[in-house]
Amino acid sequence: MYKLTVFIPDDALETVKSALFAAGAGKIGDYSNCCWQVKGTGQFKPLAGSQPHIGEQDKVEQVEEWRVEMVVSDIYIHTVIKALKDAHPYETPAYDVIQVIDI
């Protein structure tokens, strides 16, 4: 089992979550579409050669984003990461994957 954390702009929140759920993320026991989310502020500076979804090159941007966390079974992790990259509007989505060990 893994825990996926991803940062999503407000206008893409439901689209990205739906893609992740459809790929197999967010299943806990007899429940589906499970996640935890909180709004915060993300910061970045697009560099030369980038094609930012939000902001301009060489200018620091601060935007409201959602931090979304959900579990992903081992058998779905690669499919879920591909779905994340396909559905997310950012050129390089910020995310991390942590293995969850059940002892």
PDB file of N, CA and C in Angstrom:
ATOM      1  N   MET A   1       0.851  -1.181   0.000  1.00  0.00           N
ATOM      2  CA  MET A   1       0.000   0.000   0.000  1.00  0.00           C
ATOM      3  C   MET A   1       0.889   1.235   0.000  1.00  0.00           C
ATOM      4  N   TYR A   2       0.440   2.276  -0.669  1.00  0.00           N
ATOM      5  CA  TYR A   2       1.148   3.545  -0.738  1.00  0.00           C
ATOM      6  C   TYR A   2       0.203   4.682  -0.356  1.00  0.00           C
ATOM      7  N   LYS A   3       0.798   5.810   0.045  1.00  0.00           N
ATOM      8  CA  LYS A   3       0.044   7.047   0.215  1.00  0.00           C
ATOM      9  C   LYS A   3       0.576   8.036  -0.801  1.00  0.00           C
ATOM     10  N   LEU A   4      -0.323   8.549  -1.625  1.00  0.00           N
ATOM     11  CA  LEU A   4       0.007   9.544  -2.633  1.00  0.00           C
ATOM     12  C   LEU A   4      -0.397  10.915  -2.111  1.00  0.00           C
ATOM     13  N   THR A   5       0.504  11.875  -2.214  1.00  0.00           N
ATOM     14  CA  THR A   5       0.201  13.272  -1.910  1.00  0.00           C
ATOM     15  C   THR A   5       0.475  14.074  -3.168  1.00  0.00           C
ATOM     16  N   VAL A   6      -0.486  14.907  -3.554  1.00  0.00           N
ATOM     17  CA  VAL A   6      -0.337  15.716  -4.762  1.00  0.00           C
ATOM     18  C   VAL A   6      -0.899  17.110  -4.500  1.00  0.00           C
ATOM     19  N   PHE A   7      -0.323  18.092  -5.183  1.00  0.00           N
ATOM     20  CA  PHE A   7      -0.751  19.483  -5.051  1.00  0.00           C
ATOM     21  C   PHE A   7      -1.441  19.892  -6.343  1.00  0.00           C
ATOM     22  N   ILE A   8      -2.688  20.381  -6.221  1.00  0.00           N
ATOM     23  CA  ILE A   8      -3.553  20.602  -7.382  1.00  0.00           C
ATOM     24  C   ILE A   8      -4.157  22.005  -7.317  1.00  0.00           C
ATOM     25  N   PRO A   9      -4.114  22.774  -8.434  1.00  0.00           N
ATOM     26  CA  PRO A   9      -4.775  24.075  -8.424  1.00  0.00           C
ATOM     27  C   PRO A   9      -6.293  23.904  -8.334  1.00  0.00           C
ATOM     28  N   ASP A  10      -6.935  24.908  -7.768  1.00  0.00           N
ATOM     29  CA  ASP A  10      -8.368  24.848  -7.492  1.00  0.00           C
ATOM     30  C   ASP A  10      -9.196  24.464  -8.717  1.00  0.00           C
ATOM     31  N   ASP A  11      -8.874  25.032  -9.878  1.00  0.00           N
ATOM     32  CA  ASP A  11      -9.696  24.799 -11.069  1.00  0.00           C
ATOM     33  C   ASP A  11      -9.577  23.381 -11.630  1.00  0.00           C
ATOM     34  N   ALA A  12      -8.602  22.613 -11.144  1.00  0.00           N
ATOM     35  CA  ALA A  12      -8.411  21.244 -11.646  1.00  0.00           C
ATOM     36  C   ALA A  12      -8.650  20.186 -10.578  1.00  0.00           C
ATOM     37  N   LEU A  13      -9.063  20.594  -9.383  1.00  0.00           N
ATOM     38  CA  LEU A  13      -9.162  19.668  -8.254  1.00  0.00           C
ATOM     39  C   LEU A  13     -10.026  18.454  -8.564  1.00  0.00           C
ATOM     40  N   GLU A  14     -11.254  18.651  -8.938  1.00  0.00           N
ATOM     41  CA  GLU A  14     -12.176  17.526  -9.140  1.00  0.00           C
ATOM     42  C   GLU A  14     -11.790  16.668 -10.347  1.00  0.00           C
ATOM     43  N   THR A  15     -11.258  17.297 -11.387  1.00  0.00           N
ATOM     44  CA  THR A  15     -10.835  16.545 -12.572  1.00  0.00           C
ATOM     45  C   THR A  15      -9.695  15.585 -12.236  1.00  0.00           C
ATOM     46  N   VAL A  16      -8.691  16.085 -11.511  1.00  0.00           N
ATOM     47  CA  VAL A  16      -7.545  15.249 -11.158  1.00  0.00           C
ATOM     48  C   VAL A  16      -7.974  14.156 -10.176  1.00  0.00           C
ATOM     49  N   LYS A  17      -8.740  14.517  -9.155  1.00  0.00           N
ATOM     50  CA  LYS A  17      -9.199  13.506  -8.204  1.00  0.00           C
ATOM     51  C   LYS A  17      -9.997  12.412  -8.912  1.00  0.00           C
ATOM     52  N   SER A  18     -10.882  12.777  -9.802  1.00  0.00           N
ATOM     53  CA  SER A  18     -11.687  11.787 -10.532  1.00  0.00           C
ATOM     54  C   SER A  18     -10.799  10.840 -11.338  1.00  0.00           C
ATOM     55  N   ALA A  19      -9.755  11.380 -11.969  1.00  0.00           N
ATOM     56  CA  ALA A  19      -8.841  10.539 -12.745  1.00  0.00           C
ATOM     57  C   ALA A  19      -8.101   9.561 -11.836  1.00  0.00           C
ATOM     58  N   LEU A  20      -7.685  10.028 -10.658  1.00  0.00           N
ATOM     59  CA  LEU A  20      -6.978   9.164  -9.714  1.00  0.00           C
ATOM     60  C   LEU A  20      -7.890   8.066  -9.185  1.00  0.00           C
ATOM     61  N   PHE A  21      -9.121   8.435  -8.835  1.00  0.00           N
ATOM     62  CA  PHE A  21     -10.079   7.437  -8.342  1.00  0.00           C
ATOM     63  C   PHE A  21     -10.389   6.403  -9.430  1.00  0.00           C
ATOM     64  N   ALA A  22     -10.557   6.857 -10.666  1.00  0.00           N
ATOM     65  CA  ALA A  22     -10.862   5.943 -11.773  1.00  0.00           C
ATOM     66  C   ALA A  22      -9.698   4.978 -12.031  1.00  0.00           C
ATOM     67  N   ALA A  23      -8.474   5.406 -11.708  1.00  0.00           N
ATOM     68  CA  ALA A  23      -7.288   4.563 -11.911  1.00  0.00           C
ATOM     69  C   ALA A  23      -7.049   3.603 -10.752  1.00  0.00           C
ATOM     70  N   GLY A  24      -7.855   3.711  -9.680  1.00  0.00           N
ATOM     71  CA  GLY A  24      -7.749   2.757  -8.572  1.00  0.00           C
ATOM     72  C   GLY A  24      -7.331   3.338  -7.238  1.00  0.00           C
ATOM     73  N   ALA A  25      -7.072   4.628  -7.165  1.00  0.00           N
ATOM     74  CA  ALA A  25      -6.664   5.250  -5.900  1.00  0.00           C
ATOM     75  C   ALA A  25      -7.876   5.487  -4.999  1.00  0.00           C
ATOM     76  N   GLY A  26      -7.614   5.647  -3.703  1.00  0.00           N
ATOM     77  CA  GLY A  26      -8.647   6.050  -2.756  1.00  0.00           C
ATOM     78  C   GLY A  26      -9.569   4.950  -2.283  1.00  0.00           C
ATOM     79  N   LYS A  27      -9.132   3.696  -2.354  1.00  0.00           N
ATOM     80  CA  LYS A  27      -9.964   2.588  -1.886  1.00  0.00           C
ATOM     81  C   LYS A  27      -9.473   2.117  -0.520  1.00  0.00           C
ATOM     82  N   ILE A  28     -10.370   2.127   0.455  1.00  0.00           N
ATOM     83  CA  ILE A  28     -10.057   1.655   1.804  1.00  0.00           C
ATOM     84  C   ILE A  28     -11.185   0.724   2.230  1.00  0.00           C
ATOM     85  N   GLY A  29     -10.889  -0.567   2.341  1.00  0.00           N
ATOM     86  CA  GLY A  29     -11.914  -1.536   2.721  1.00  0.00           C
ATOM     87  C   GLY A  29     -13.079  -1.495   1.748  1.00  0.00           C
ATOM     88  N   ASP A  30     -14.284  -1.306   2.264  1.00  0.00           N
ATOM     89  CA  ASP A  30     -15.488  -1.252   1.440  1.00  0.00           C
ATOM     90  C   ASP A  30     -15.863   0.171   1.037  1.00  0.00           C
ATOM     91  N   TYR A  31     -14.877   1.063   0.970  1.00  0.00           N
ATOM     92  CA  TYR A  31     -15.112   2.469   0.611  1.00  0.00           C
ATOM     93  C   TYR A  31     -14.251   2.850  -0.581  1.00  0.00           C
ATOM     94  N   SER A  32     -14.779   3.737  -1.412  1.00  0.00           N
ATOM     95  CA  SER A  32     -14.002   4.251  -2.540  1.00  0.00           C
ATOM     96  C   SER A  32     -14.023   5.773  -2.488  1.00  0.00           C
ATOM     97  N   ASN A  33     -13.245   6.389  -3.354  1.00  0.00           N
ATOM     98  CA  ASN A  33     -13.149   7.849  -3.459  1.00  0.00           C
ATOM     99  C   ASN A  33     -12.735   8.500  -2.137  1.00  0.00           C
ATOM    100  N   CYS A  34     -11.891   7.812  -1.372  1.00  0.00           N
ATOM    101  CA  CYS A  34     -11.430   8.322  -0.080  1.00  0.00           C
ATOM    102  C   CYS A  34     -10.200   9.207  -0.278  1.00  0.00           C
ATOM    103  N   CYS A  35     -10.208  10.365   0.348  1.00  0.00           N
ATOM    104  CA  CYS A  35      -9.038  11.230   0.328  1.00  0.00           C
ATOM    105  C   CYS A  35      -9.137  12.237   1.466  1.00  0.00           C
ATOM    106  N   TRP A  36      -8.055  12.922   1.692  1.00  0.00           N
ATOM    107  CA  TRP A  36      -8.003  14.033   2.638  1.00  0.00           C
ATOM    108  C   TRP A  36      -7.444  15.206   1.875  1.00  0.00           C
ATOM    109  N   GLN A  37      -7.993  16.394   2.074  1.00  0.00           N
ATOM    110  CA  GLN A  37      -7.522  17.548   1.324  1.00  0.00           C
ATOM    111  C   GLN A  37      -7.600  18.813   2.168  1.00  0.00           C
ATOM    112  N   VAL A  38      -6.671  19.717   1.887  1.00  0.00           N
ATOM    113  CA  VAL A  38      -6.635  21.008   2.571  1.00  0.00           C
ATOM    114  C   VAL A  38      -6.066  22.037   1.594  1.00  0.00           C
ATOM    115  N   LYS A  39      -6.586  23.258   1.670  1.00  0.00           N
ATOM    116  CA  LYS A  39      -6.119  24.317   0.775  1.00  0.00           C
ATOM    117  C   LYS A  39      -4.953  25.056   1.418  1.00  0.00           C
ATOM    118  N   GLY A  40      -3.973  25.393   0.593  1.00  0.00           N
ATOM    119  CA  GLY A  40      -2.815  26.149   1.044  1.00  0.00           C
ATOM    120  C   GLY A  40      -2.265  26.983  -0.087  1.00  0.00           C
ATOM    121  N   THR A  41      -1.088  27.514   0.107  1.00  0.00           N
ATOM    122  CA  THR A  41      -0.451  28.366  -0.892  1.00  0.00           C
ATOM    123  C   THR A  41       0.818  27.706  -1.404  1.00  0.00           C
ATOM    124  N   GLY A  42       0.894  27.544  -2.706  1.00  0.00           N
ATOM    125  CA  GLY A  42       2.092  27.014  -3.344  1.00  0.00           C
ATOM    126  C   GLY A  42       2.895  28.150  -3.958  1.00  0.00           C
ATOM    127  N   GLN A  43       4.184  27.952  -4.090  1.00  0.00           N
ATOM    128  CA  GLN A  43       5.052  28.972  -4.673  1.00  0.00           C
ATOM    129  C   GLN A  43       6.002  28.331  -5.658  1.00  0.00           C
ATOM    130  N   PHE A  44       6.274  29.025  -6.765  1.00  0.00           N
ATOM    131  CA  PHE A  44       7.202  28.529  -7.777  1.00  0.00           C
ATOM    132  C   PHE A  44       7.627  29.684  -8.665  1.00  0.00           C
ATOM    133  N   LYS A  45       8.714  29.472  -9.398  1.00  0.00           N
ATOM    134  CA  LYS A  45       9.218  30.453 -10.364  1.00  0.00           C
ATOM    135  C   LYS A  45       9.529  29.714 -11.658  1.00  0.00           C
ATOM    136  N   PRO A  46       8.709  29.891 -12.680  1.00  0.00           N
ATOM    137  CA  PRO A  46       8.984  29.241 -13.959  1.00  0.00           C
ATOM    138  C   PRO A  46      10.299  29.755 -14.563  1.00  0.00           C
ATOM    139  N   LEU A  47      11.145  28.841 -14.994  1.00  0.00           N
ATOM    140  CA  LEU A  47      12.432  29.200 -15.581  1.00  0.00           C
ATOM    141  C   LEU A  47      12.353  29.202 -17.101  1.00  0.00           C
ATOM    142  N   ALA A  48      13.392  29.677 -17.735  1.00  0.00           N
ATOM    143  CA  ALA A  48      13.465  29.712 -19.203  1.00  0.00           C
ATOM    144  C   ALA A  48      13.226  28.311 -19.752  1.00  0.00           C
ATOM    145  N   GLY A  49      12.426  28.211 -20.788  1.00  0.00           N
ATOM    146  CA  GLY A  49      12.113  26.924 -21.398  1.00  0.00           C
ATOM    147  C   GLY A  49      10.850  26.280 -20.850  1.00  0.00           C
ATOM    148  N   SER A  50      10.326  26.801 -19.729  1.00  0.00           N
ATOM    149  CA  SER A  50       9.107  26.237 -19.143  1.00  0.00           C
ATOM    150  C   SER A  50       7.880  26.740 -19.898  1.00  0.00           C
ATOM    151  N   GLN A  51       6.788  26.023 -19.734  1.00  0.00           N
ATOM    152  CA  GLN A  51       5.494  26.419 -20.287  1.00  0.00           C
ATOM    153  C   GLN A  51       4.491  26.369 -19.143  1.00  0.00           C
ATOM    154  N   PRO A  52       4.507  27.369 -18.264  1.00  0.00           N
ATOM    155  CA  PRO A  52       3.687  27.310 -17.057  1.00  0.00           C
ATOM    156  C   PRO A  52       2.191  27.390 -17.338  1.00  0.00           C
ATOM    157  N   HIS A  53       1.439  26.573 -16.602  1.00  0.00           N
ATOM    158  CA  HIS A  53      -0.029  26.625 -16.648  1.00  0.00           C
ATOM    159  C   HIS A  53      -0.516  27.915 -15.989  1.00  0.00           C
ATOM    160  N   ILE A  54       0.189  28.326 -14.942  1.00  0.00           N
ATOM    161  CA  ILE A  54      -0.106  29.545 -14.201  1.00  0.00           C
ATOM    162  C   ILE A  54       1.197  30.326 -14.087  1.00  0.00           C
ATOM    163  N   GLY A  55       1.167  31.635 -14.272  1.00  0.00           N
ATOM    164  CA  GLY A  55       2.337  32.471 -14.055  1.00  0.00           C
ATOM    165  C   GLY A  55       3.134  32.741 -15.301  1.00  0.00           C
ATOM    166  N   GLU A  56       4.254  33.447 -15.087  1.00  0.00           N
ATOM    167  CA  GLU A  56       5.132  33.860 -16.170  1.00  0.00           C
ATOM    168  C   GLU A  56       6.563  33.446 -15.855  1.00  0.00           C
ATOM    169  N   GLN A  57       7.354  33.249 -16.904  1.00  0.00           N
ATOM    170  CA  GLN A  57       8.757  32.899 -16.708  1.00  0.00           C
ATOM    171  C   GLN A  57       9.485  34.001 -15.938  1.00  0.00           C
ATOM    172  N   ASP A  58      10.395  33.570 -15.077  1.00  0.00           N
ATOM    173  CA  ASP A  58      11.255  34.440 -14.281  1.00  0.00           C
ATOM    174  C   ASP A  58      10.499  35.326 -13.286  1.00  0.00           C
ATOM    175  N   LYS A  59       9.279  34.951 -12.943  1.00  0.00           N
ATOM    176  CA  LYS A  59       8.507  35.702 -11.953  1.00  0.00           C
ATOM    177  C   LYS A  59       7.988  34.721 -10.895  1.00  0.00           C
ATOM    178  N   VAL A  60       8.266  35.001  -9.632  1.00  0.00           N
ATOM    179  CA  VAL A  60       7.791  34.151  -8.546  1.00  0.00           C
ATOM    180  C   VAL A  60       6.269  34.271  -8.460  1.00  0.00           C
ATOM    181  N   GLU A  61       5.605  33.138  -8.395  1.00  0.00           N
ATOM    182  CA  GLU A  61       4.144  33.080  -8.297  1.00  0.00           C
ATOM    183  C   GLU A  61       3.749  32.407  -6.999  1.00  0.00           C
ATOM    184  N   GLN A  62       2.685  32.876  -6.411  1.00  0.00           N
ATOM    185  CA  GLN A  62       2.056  32.198  -5.286  1.00  0.00           C
ATOM    186  C   GLN A  62       0.602  31.954  -5.673  1.00  0.00           C
ATOM    187  N   VAL A  63       0.160  30.702  -5.566  1.00  0.00           N
ATOM    188  CA  VAL A  63      -1.193  30.343  -5.972  1.00  0.00           C
ATOM    189  C   VAL A  63      -1.838  29.445  -4.921  1.00  0.00           C
ATOM    190  N   GLU A  64      -3.150  29.550  -4.831  1.00  0.00           N
ATOM    191  CA  GLU A  64      -3.878  28.638  -3.955  1.00  0.00           C
ATOM    192  C   GLU A  64      -3.915  27.271  -4.610  1.00  0.00           C
ATOM    193  N   GLU A  65      -3.556  26.265  -3.840  1.00  0.00           N
ATOM    194  CA  GLU A  65      -3.563  24.890  -4.318  1.00  0.00           C
ATOM    195  C   GLU A  65      -4.148  24.004  -3.228  1.00  0.00           C
ATOM    196  N   TRP A  66      -4.573  22.827  -3.626  1.00  0.00           N
ATOM    197  CA  TRP A  66      -5.064  21.820  -2.695  1.00  0.00           C
ATOM    198  C   TRP A  66      -3.991  20.766  -2.497  1.00  0.00           C
ATOM    199  N   ARG A  67      -3.732  20.416  -1.245  1.00  0.00           N
ATOM    200  CA  ARG A  67      -2.902  19.258  -0.928  1.00  0.00           C
ATOM    201  C   ARG A  67      -3.888  18.108  -0.755  1.00  0.00           C
ATOM    202  N   VAL A  68      -3.760  17.089  -1.597  1.00  0.00           N
ATOM    203  CA  VAL A  68      -4.676  15.952  -1.576  1.00  0.00           C
ATOM    204  C   VAL A  68      -3.868  14.698  -1.284  1.00  0.00           C
ATOM    205  N   GLU A  69      -4.344  13.908  -0.316  1.00  0.00           N
ATOM    206  CA  GLU A  69      -3.693  12.658   0.045  1.00  0.00           C
ATOM    207  C   GLU A  69      -4.691  11.518  -0.103  1.00  0.00           C
ATOM    208  N   MET A  70      -4.198  10.393  -0.628  1.00  0.00           N
ATOM    209  CA  MET A  70      -5.039   9.204  -0.753  1.00  0.00           C
ATOM    210  C   MET A  70      -4.174   7.960  -0.786  1.00  0.00           C
ATOM    211  N   VAL A  71      -4.747   6.850  -0.390  1.00  0.00           N
ATOM    212  CA  VAL A  71      -4.015   5.589  -0.435  1.00  0.00           C
ATOM    213  C   VAL A  71      -4.162   4.956  -1.813  1.00  0.00           C
ATOM    214  N   VAL A  72      -3.155   4.149  -2.151  1.00  0.00           N
ATOM    215  CA  VAL A  72      -3.156   3.447  -3.439  1.00  0.00           C
ATOM    216  C   VAL A  72      -2.594   2.045  -3.199  1.00  0.00           C
ATOM    217  N   SER A  73      -3.329   1.040  -3.617  1.00  0.00           N
ATOM    218  CA  SER A  73      -2.868  -0.344  -3.529  1.00  0.00           C
ATOM    219  C   SER A  73      -1.665  -0.553  -4.448  1.00  0.00           C
ATOM    220  N   ASP A  74      -0.798  -1.470  -4.050  1.00  0.00           N
ATOM    221  CA  ASP A  74       0.398  -1.780  -4.838  1.00  0.00           C
ATOM    222  C   ASP A  74       0.078  -2.034  -6.310  1.00  0.00           C
ATOM    223  N   ILE A  75      -1.001  -2.743  -6.573  1.00  0.00           N
ATOM    224  CA  ILE A  75      -1.304  -3.135  -7.962  1.00  0.00           C
ATOM    225  C   ILE A  75      -1.726  -1.952  -8.836  1.00  0.00           C
ATOM    226  N   TYR A  76      -2.100  -0.816  -8.226  1.00  0.00           N
ATOM    227  CA  TYR A  76      -2.570   0.337  -8.996  1.00  0.00           C
ATOM    228  C   TYR A  76      -1.574   1.495  -9.052  1.00  0.00           C
ATOM    229  N   ILE A  77      -0.468   1.438  -8.315  1.00  0.00           N
ATOM    230  CA  ILE A  77       0.372   2.621  -8.153  1.00  0.00           C
ATOM    231  C   ILE A  77       0.896   3.172  -9.483  1.00  0.00           C
ATOM    232  N   HIS A  78       1.350   2.326 -10.389  1.00  0.00           N
ATOM    233  CA  HIS A  78       1.888   2.818 -11.666  1.00  0.00           C
ATOM    234  C   HIS A  78       0.784   3.422 -12.535  1.00  0.00           C
ATOM    235  N   THR A  79      -0.376   2.791 -12.550  1.00  0.00           N
ATOM    236  CA  THR A  79      -1.520   3.303 -13.311  1.00  0.00           C
ATOM    237  C   THR A  79      -1.989   4.642 -12.744  1.00  0.00           C
ATOM    238  N   VAL A  80      -1.989   4.761 -11.427  1.00  0.00           N
ATOM    239  CA  VAL A  80      -2.430   5.998 -10.777  1.00  0.00           C
ATOM    240  C   VAL A  80      -1.456   7.142 -11.079  1.00  0.00           C
ATOM    241  N   ILE A  81      -0.154   6.884 -11.030  1.00  0.00           N
ATOM    242  CA  ILE A  81       0.824   7.934 -11.330  1.00  0.00           C
ATOM    243  C   ILE A  81       0.706   8.387 -12.780  1.00  0.00           C
ATOM    244  N   LYS A  82       0.473   7.448 -13.695  1.00  0.00           N
ATOM    245  CA  LYS A  82       0.265   7.832 -15.094  1.00  0.00           C
ATOM    246  C   LYS A  82      -0.993   8.690 -15.233  1.00  0.00           C
ATOM    247  N   ALA A  83      -2.074   8.295 -14.558  1.00  0.00           N
ATOM    248  CA  ALA A  83      -3.318   9.073 -14.602  1.00  0.00           C
ATOM    249  C   ALA A  83      -3.097  10.474 -14.028  1.00  0.00           C
ATOM    250  N   LEU A  84      -2.318  10.564 -12.963  1.00  0.00           N
ATOM    251  CA  LEU A  84      -1.999  11.865 -12.365  1.00  0.00           C
ATOM    252  C   LEU A  84      -1.306  12.767 -13.379  1.00  0.00           C
ATOM    253  N   LYS A  85      -0.278  12.244 -14.017  1.00  0.00           N
ATOM    254  CA  LYS A  85       0.475  13.050 -14.983  1.00  0.00           C
ATOM    255  C   LYS A  85      -0.369  13.430 -16.199  1.00  0.00           C
ATOM    256  N   ASP A  86      -1.260  12.542 -16.613  1.00  0.00           N
ATOM    257  CA  ASP A  86      -2.124  12.831 -17.767  1.00  0.00           C
ATOM    258  C   ASP A  86      -3.203  13.870 -17.435  1.00  0.00           C
ATOM    259  N   ALA A  87      -3.737  13.842 -16.211  1.00  0.00           N
ATOM    260  CA  ALA A  87      -4.868  14.709 -15.852  1.00  0.00           C
ATOM    261  C   ALA A  87      -4.455  16.058 -15.265  1.00  0.00           C
ATOM    262  N   HIS A  88      -3.279  16.126 -14.687  1.00  0.00           N
ATOM    263  CA  HIS A  88      -2.852  17.346 -13.989  1.00  0.00           C
ATOM    264  C   HIS A  88      -2.481  18.432 -14.992  1.00  0.00           C
ATOM    265  N   PRO A  89      -2.905  19.670 -14.758  1.00  0.00           N
ATOM    266  CA  PRO A  89      -2.620  20.725 -15.727  1.00  0.00           C
ATOM    267  C   PRO A  89      -1.184  21.240 -15.707  1.00  0.00           C
ATOM    268  N   TYR A  90      -0.440  20.990 -14.620  1.00  0.00           N
ATOM    269  CA  TYR A  90       0.915  21.503 -14.531  1.00  0.00           C
ATOM    270  C   TYR A  90       1.857  20.703 -15.422  1.00  0.00           C
ATOM    271  N   GLU A  91       2.834  21.387 -15.982  1.00  0.00           N
ATOM    272  CA  GLU A  91       3.862  20.772 -16.811  1.00  0.00           C
ATOM    273  C   GLU A  91       4.613  19.690 -16.014  1.00  0.00           C
ATOM    274  N   THR A  92       4.892  19.989 -14.755  1.00  0.00           N
ATOM    275  CA  THR A  92       5.561  19.049 -13.851  1.00  0.00           C
ATOM    276  C   THR A  92       4.807  19.060 -12.525  1.00  0.00           C
ATOM    277  N   PRO A  93       3.829  18.162 -12.341  1.00  0.00           N
ATOM    278  CA  PRO A  93       3.067  18.155 -11.090  1.00  0.00           C
ATOM    279  C   PRO A  93       3.955  17.807  -9.897  1.00  0.00           C
ATOM    280  N   ALA A  94       3.687  18.461  -8.771  1.00  0.00           N
ATOM    281  CA  ALA A  94       4.401  18.142  -7.528  1.00  0.00           C
ATOM    282  C   ALA A  94       3.617  17.052  -6.797  1.00  0.00           C
ATOM    283  N   TYR A  95       4.291  15.932  -6.533  1.00  0.00           N
ATOM    284  CA  TYR A  95       3.645  14.832  -5.814  1.00  0.00           C
ATOM    285  C   TYR A  95       4.716  13.999  -5.134  1.00  0.00           C
ATOM    286  N   ASP A  96       4.293  13.216  -4.154  1.00  0.00           N
ATOM    287  CA  ASP A  96       5.189  12.237  -3.564  1.00  0.00           C
ATOM    288  C   ASP A  96       4.400  10.978  -3.239  1.00  0.00           C
ATOM    289  N   VAL A  97       5.140   9.876  -3.160  1.00  0.00           N
ATOM    290  CA  VAL A  97       4.564   8.567  -2.878  1.00  0.00           C
ATOM    291  C   VAL A  97       5.351   7.970  -1.724  1.00  0.00           C
ATOM    292  N   ILE A  98       4.643   7.548  -0.683  1.00  0.00           N
ATOM    293  CA  ILE A  98       5.266   6.951   0.483  1.00  0.00           C
ATOM    294  C   ILE A  98       4.676   5.567   0.692  1.00  0.00           C
ATOM    295  N   GLN A  99       5.539   4.598   0.915  1.00  0.00           N
ATOM    296  CA  GLN A  99       5.051   3.247   1.173  1.00  0.00           C
ATOM    297  C   GLN A  99       4.481   3.177   2.588  1.00  0.00           C
ATOM    298  N   VAL A 100       3.318   2.565   2.708  1.00  0.00           N
ATOM    299  CA  VAL A 100       2.644   2.382   3.990  1.00  0.00           C
ATOM    300  C   VAL A 100       2.814   0.910   4.391  1.00  0.00           C
ATOM    301  N   ILE A 101       3.339   0.686   5.577  1.00  0.00           N
ATOM    302  CA  ILE A 101       3.573  -0.677   6.055  1.00  0.00           C
ATOM    303  C   ILE A 101       2.583  -0.999   7.143  1.00  0.00           C
ATOM    304  N   ASP A 102       1.830  -2.066   6.958  1.00  0.00           N
ATOM    305  CA  ASP A 102       0.869  -2.518   7.938  1.00  0.00           C
ATOM    306  C   ASP A 102       1.537  -3.595   8.792  1.00  0.00           C
ATOM    307  N   ILE A 103       1.753  -3.285  10.048  1.00  0.00           N
ATOM    308  CA  ILE A 103       2.459  -4.217  10.942  1.00  0.00           C
ATOM    309  C   ILE A 103       1.457  -4.928  11.846  1.00  0.00           C
TER     310      ILE A 103
END
